[in-house]
Structures are given as C-alpha cells and as structure tokens.
Amino acid sequence: MKKLFITLIVLLFIVSSVKSQSKYTDAEWNKLVGFLSAEQWGDANTLSLQILKRIPAAEIDSDDAAAFRYMYIYSEAGLMNERKVTKEQAQKKITPHIGHKVLLAAHPITSKQGFNSITLVNDKTDTLMVTATNKTATQIFSFEYIIPKKRFPLDEFKNNEGKFYGVIGRIKSIKAGGDMFPRFQIYVDEAEMVAR
C-alpha cells in the first residue's frame, strides 16, 4: 500500500508539473488516483480513456498523455486479471497505443528480483524489468521490459538501490498473455530514467 501511494504521489508530481495547459481538472485527477488506489479498475479505465481522448493529436506523445496512457493500460490489466475482459478484448483496446510514449509508475531500483521494483535482466543494465502488480502483489498485471536509450552503468545502478526512478519511453510492443494469470508483456524502448 505504501509503495502504491508513493508511486501515485510521484506520478502526480510529474503530471502536475506539466499541467499548465491541461485537458483535465484537479477533480478528475483526484478521482482517477482514488480509483487506482482503491483498485476500481473499471472506473479508472473509463476515466483515463476519457481524458486520453481529450488530448489533441498534436500532443499524443506529451508527458500528460504518456502518464494517462499508463494508467489506462494498468487499469485494463486489472480488468483482464479479474476476468472482466478477455485477453483478446484487452489486446484490441491497447494495441493503438503501440509506438506512443508511456510514463511508467516510479519504482525503486533493486538488484534482487521482486514486485513493483526496477530490476536487472540477466545481471545487465541494457534491459531492465518491472513486474507490476496490484498493491498486495497477489495479481501480476504486466512484465515491463525497459530498454534504456542510454545504458545505465551497472555500478551506478547498484549505488542507487532503493531510490525511486521514473521511466518514460516508447511502447515498442505490448501483448496480452498468460492463461491462469492474464497479464501484459510490455517492451518500452528509447527509455529515459529519471531519479525522483
């Protein structure tokens, strides 16, 4: 719960810092954060999509759009995991977001495998990974593979263990998978990592 709260606060800071010409209100933002915190996936999904649709085509890859895109995908994963939508329905809904920017929730760096943290893949930093879950880590929503635009030095990665980093990049691919535990597999390339 604490990690989810910190993640949402960091995401709020990022989005609100670029909110000067916003396409959403503070009330909508607060409602959306409330839906995500309460794991009300249907309401979060509907509201995040409504906001995304208001963003002009010229701003489709803005930081605002990237943040709401992640909230939409995350809530869609919640719906899929609860079997309220099929993998095929979820795939159809999220496919239009391939090739666009996404702002992943901020997570702490760790060299140990775990949930809701940025970890190494094959003990290297050319690809990092987040296993995104619900707040109790009883449902896996996505395996998020992060391919940094600039390689993260391994010693720097280890020296920053425990610190939260935000990740923004382009969705290279996203695929619904898993039978018993449906989830997304997301590859984000051209990724930039920013300490929070």
Protein backbone atom coordinates (compact mmCIF):
# COMPACT_ATOMS: atom_id res chain seq x y z
CA MET A 1 0.00 0.00 0.00
CA LYS A 2 2.80 2.39 0.94
CA LYS A 3 4.65 1.70 -2.34
CA LEU A 4 1.49 2.31 -4.38
CA PHE A 5 0.87 5.58 -2.51
CA ILE A 6 4.46 6.76 -3.11
CA THR A 7 4.22 5.73 -6.76
CA LEU A 8 0.97 7.68 -7.23
CA ILE A 9 2.41 10.74 -5.47
CA VAL A 10 5.48 10.69 -7.72
CA LEU A 11 3.26 10.28 -10.78
CA LEU A 12 1.08 13.14 -9.55
CA PHE A 13 4.17 15.36 -9.20
CA ILE A 14 5.33 14.52 -12.72
CA VAL A 15 1.96 15.11 -14.33
CA SER A 16 1.06 18.20 -12.33
CA SER A 17 4.39 19.80 -13.23
CA VAL A 18 3.30 19.83 -16.90
CA LYS A 19 -0.34 20.62 -16.18
CA SER A 20 -0.33 24.28 -17.25
CA GLN A 21 -2.30 23.60 -20.43
CA SER A 22 -4.12 20.60 -19.09
CA LYS A 23 -7.01 18.69 -20.63
CA TYR A 24 -8.25 17.51 -17.24
CA THR A 25 -9.29 19.05 -13.94
CA ASP A 26 -7.88 18.58 -10.44
CA ALA A 27 -11.16 16.88 -9.51
CA GLU A 28 -10.72 14.36 -12.36
CA TRP A 29 -7.11 13.73 -11.35
CA ASN A 30 -8.08 13.16 -7.71
CA LYS A 31 -10.92 10.86 -8.75
CA LEU A 32 -8.61 8.84 -11.02
CA VAL A 33 -5.96 8.48 -8.31
CA GLY A 34 -8.72 7.41 -5.91
CA PHE A 35 -9.98 4.77 -8.36
CA LEU A 36 -6.46 3.38 -8.85
CA SER A 37 -5.73 3.39 -5.10
CA ALA A 38 -9.00 1.55 -4.42
CA GLU A 39 -8.31 -0.82 -7.34
CA GLN A 40 -11.58 0.14 -9.01
CA TRP A 41 -10.29 -0.85 -12.42
CA GLY A 42 -13.46 -0.23 -14.41
CA ASP A 43 -13.85 3.35 -13.18
CA ALA A 44 -10.11 4.06 -13.57
CA ASN A 45 -10.17 2.60 -17.07
CA THR A 46 -13.17 4.66 -18.18
CA LEU A 47 -11.89 7.94 -16.76
CA SER A 48 -8.31 7.58 -18.01
CA LEU A 49 -9.59 6.79 -21.52
CA GLN A 50 -11.94 9.80 -21.44
CA ILE A 51 -9.03 12.06 -20.56
CA LEU A 52 -6.77 10.48 -23.20
CA LYS A 53 -9.42 11.11 -25.87
CA ARG A 54 -9.43 14.84 -24.99
CA ILE A 55 -5.72 15.21 -25.66
CA PRO A 56 -5.22 16.70 -29.16
CA ALA A 57 -3.43 14.61 -31.78
CA ALA A 58 -0.53 17.08 -31.76
CA GLU A 59 0.02 16.27 -28.06
CA ILE A 60 -0.44 12.48 -28.28
CA ASP A 61 3.10 11.92 -27.01
CA SER A 62 3.12 14.65 -24.36
CA ASP A 63 4.04 13.79 -20.78
CA ASP A 64 0.37 14.11 -19.78
CA ALA A 65 -0.70 11.65 -22.47
CA ALA A 66 2.14 9.28 -21.52
CA ALA A 67 1.02 9.23 -17.87
CA PHE A 68 -2.67 8.70 -18.63
CA ARG A 69 -1.75 6.04 -21.20
CA TYR A 70 -0.01 4.03 -18.49
CA MET A 71 -2.97 4.45 -16.12
CA TYR A 72 -5.25 3.21 -18.89
CA ILE A 73 -3.08 0.17 -19.65
CA TYR A 74 -2.62 -0.59 -15.94
CA SER A 75 -6.36 -0.46 -15.27
CA GLU A 76 -7.02 -2.58 -18.37
CA ALA A 77 -4.63 -5.17 -16.92
CA GLY A 78 -6.63 -5.06 -13.68
CA LEU A 79 -9.84 -5.75 -15.60
CA MET A 80 -8.19 -8.56 -17.56
CA ASN A 81 -6.76 -10.10 -14.39
CA GLU A 82 -10.21 -10.07 -12.79
CA ARG A 83 -11.60 -11.67 -15.97
CA LYS A 84 -13.89 -8.73 -16.70
CA VAL A 85 -12.36 -8.53 -20.17
CA THR A 86 -10.74 -11.29 -22.21
CA LYS A 87 -7.13 -11.20 -23.33
CA GLU A 88 -8.38 -10.64 -26.88
CA GLN A 89 -10.56 -7.70 -25.84
CA ALA A 90 -7.73 -6.17 -23.81
CA GLN A 91 -5.26 -6.62 -26.68
CA LYS A 92 -7.61 -4.88 -29.11
CA LYS A 93 -8.06 -1.94 -26.74
CA ILE A 94 -4.36 -1.36 -26.02
CA THR A 95 -2.89 -2.04 -29.48
CA PRO A 96 -3.46 1.57 -30.68
CA HIS A 97 -1.01 2.73 -28.01
CA ILE A 98 1.96 0.87 -29.52
CA GLY A 99 4.51 3.35 -30.83
CA HIS A 100 3.49 6.08 -28.39
CA LYS A 101 5.12 7.43 -25.26
CA VAL A 102 4.31 5.97 -21.87
CA LEU A 103 5.27 7.14 -18.40
CA LEU A 104 5.63 4.10 -16.18
CA ALA A 105 4.89 4.36 -12.48
CA ALA A 106 8.00 5.23 -10.45
CA HIS A 107 9.61 2.28 -8.68
CA PRO A 108 12.67 1.68 -6.51
CA ILE A 109 15.79 0.16 -8.03
CA THR A 110 16.84 -3.20 -6.62
CA SER A 111 19.33 -5.89 -7.60
CA LYS A 112 17.00 -8.54 -6.13
CA GLN A 113 14.05 -9.90 -8.07
CA GLY A 114 10.77 -8.62 -6.73
CA PHE A 115 7.45 -6.99 -7.44
CA ASN A 116 6.94 -3.32 -8.26
CA SER A 117 10.65 -2.53 -8.48
CA ILE A 118 13.15 -1.95 -11.28
CA THR A 119 15.40 -4.99 -11.58
CA LEU A 120 18.17 -6.23 -13.86
CA VAL A 121 17.60 -8.70 -16.66
CA ASN A 122 20.45 -11.23 -16.90
CA ASP A 123 22.53 -9.15 -14.46
CA LYS A 124 22.96 -6.42 -17.11
CA THR A 125 21.56 -2.91 -17.44
CA ASP A 126 20.88 -2.91 -21.18
CA THR A 127 17.39 -4.23 -20.35
CA LEU A 128 15.62 -3.64 -17.03
CA MET A 129 12.33 -5.06 -15.82
CA VAL A 130 9.37 -4.28 -13.60
CA THR A 131 6.86 -6.90 -12.54
CA ALA A 132 3.84 -4.63 -11.95
CA THR A 133 1.19 -5.95 -9.58
CA ASN A 134 -1.76 -4.85 -7.53
CA LYS A 135 -0.96 -3.33 -4.12
CA THR A 136 -0.91 -6.67 -2.30
CA ALA A 137 1.15 -8.33 -5.05
CA THR A 138 -1.45 -11.09 -5.44
CA GLN A 139 -2.12 -10.25 -9.10
CA ILE A 140 0.52 -9.69 -11.78
CA PHE A 141 -0.59 -7.04 -14.27
CA SER A 142 2.44 -6.77 -16.50
CA PHE A 143 6.05 -7.63 -17.15
CA GLU A 144 7.51 -4.29 -18.24
CA TYR A 145 10.83 -4.57 -20.07
CA ILE A 146 12.72 -1.29 -20.19
CA ILE A 147 15.33 -0.73 -22.88
CA PRO A 148 17.20 2.46 -21.94
CA LYS A 149 18.13 4.95 -24.63
CA LYS A 150 21.45 5.35 -22.82
CA ARG A 151 22.84 2.32 -21.00
CA PHE A 152 22.59 2.61 -17.21
CA PRO A 153 26.09 1.83 -15.79
CA LEU A 154 25.93 -1.26 -13.56
CA ASP A 155 27.84 0.36 -10.69
CA GLU A 156 25.52 3.38 -10.81
CA PHE A 157 22.52 1.03 -10.78
CA LYS A 158 23.84 -0.74 -7.66
CA ASN A 159 24.76 2.54 -5.95
CA ASN A 160 21.20 3.82 -6.41
CA GLU A 161 19.50 0.77 -4.94
CA GLY A 162 16.35 1.75 -3.04
CA LYS A 163 15.96 5.07 -4.84
CA PHE A 164 12.83 5.67 -6.89
CA TYR A 165 13.14 6.20 -10.63
CA GLY A 166 10.55 7.24 -13.15
CA VAL A 167 10.72 5.80 -16.66
CA ILE A 168 9.43 7.42 -19.83
CA GLY A 169 9.82 5.84 -23.23
CA ARG A 170 8.04 4.48 -26.29
CA ILE A 171 5.87 1.38 -26.26
CA LYS A 172 7.70 -0.87 -28.70
CA SER A 173 5.28 -3.75 -28.19
CA ILE A 174 2.56 -4.89 -25.85
CA LYS A 175 0.95 -8.30 -25.80
CA ALA A 176 -1.70 -9.89 -23.61
CA GLY A 177 -0.65 -13.32 -22.38
CA GLY A 178 -0.91 -15.83 -19.57
CA ASP A 179 -3.72 -18.31 -19.05
CA MET A 180 -4.18 -18.76 -15.33
CA PHE A 181 -2.89 -15.24 -14.60
CA PRO A 182 -3.58 -12.98 -17.62
CA ARG A 183 -1.17 -10.07 -17.93
CA PHE A 184 0.58 -7.80 -20.40
CA GLN A 185 4.13 -8.12 -21.64
CA ILE A 186 5.29 -4.61 -22.49
CA TYR A 187 8.55 -3.54 -24.12
CA VAL A 188 9.42 0.13 -23.66
CA ASP A 189 12.38 1.33 -25.71
CA GLU A 190 14.07 4.73 -26.05
CA ALA A 191 13.57 4.83 -22.29
CA GLU A 192 14.92 7.56 -20.06
CA MET A 193 15.24 7.00 -16.33
CA VAL A 194 14.90 9.95 -14.00
CA ALA A 195 15.61 9.86 -10.27
CA ARG A 196 12.64 11.05 -8.20
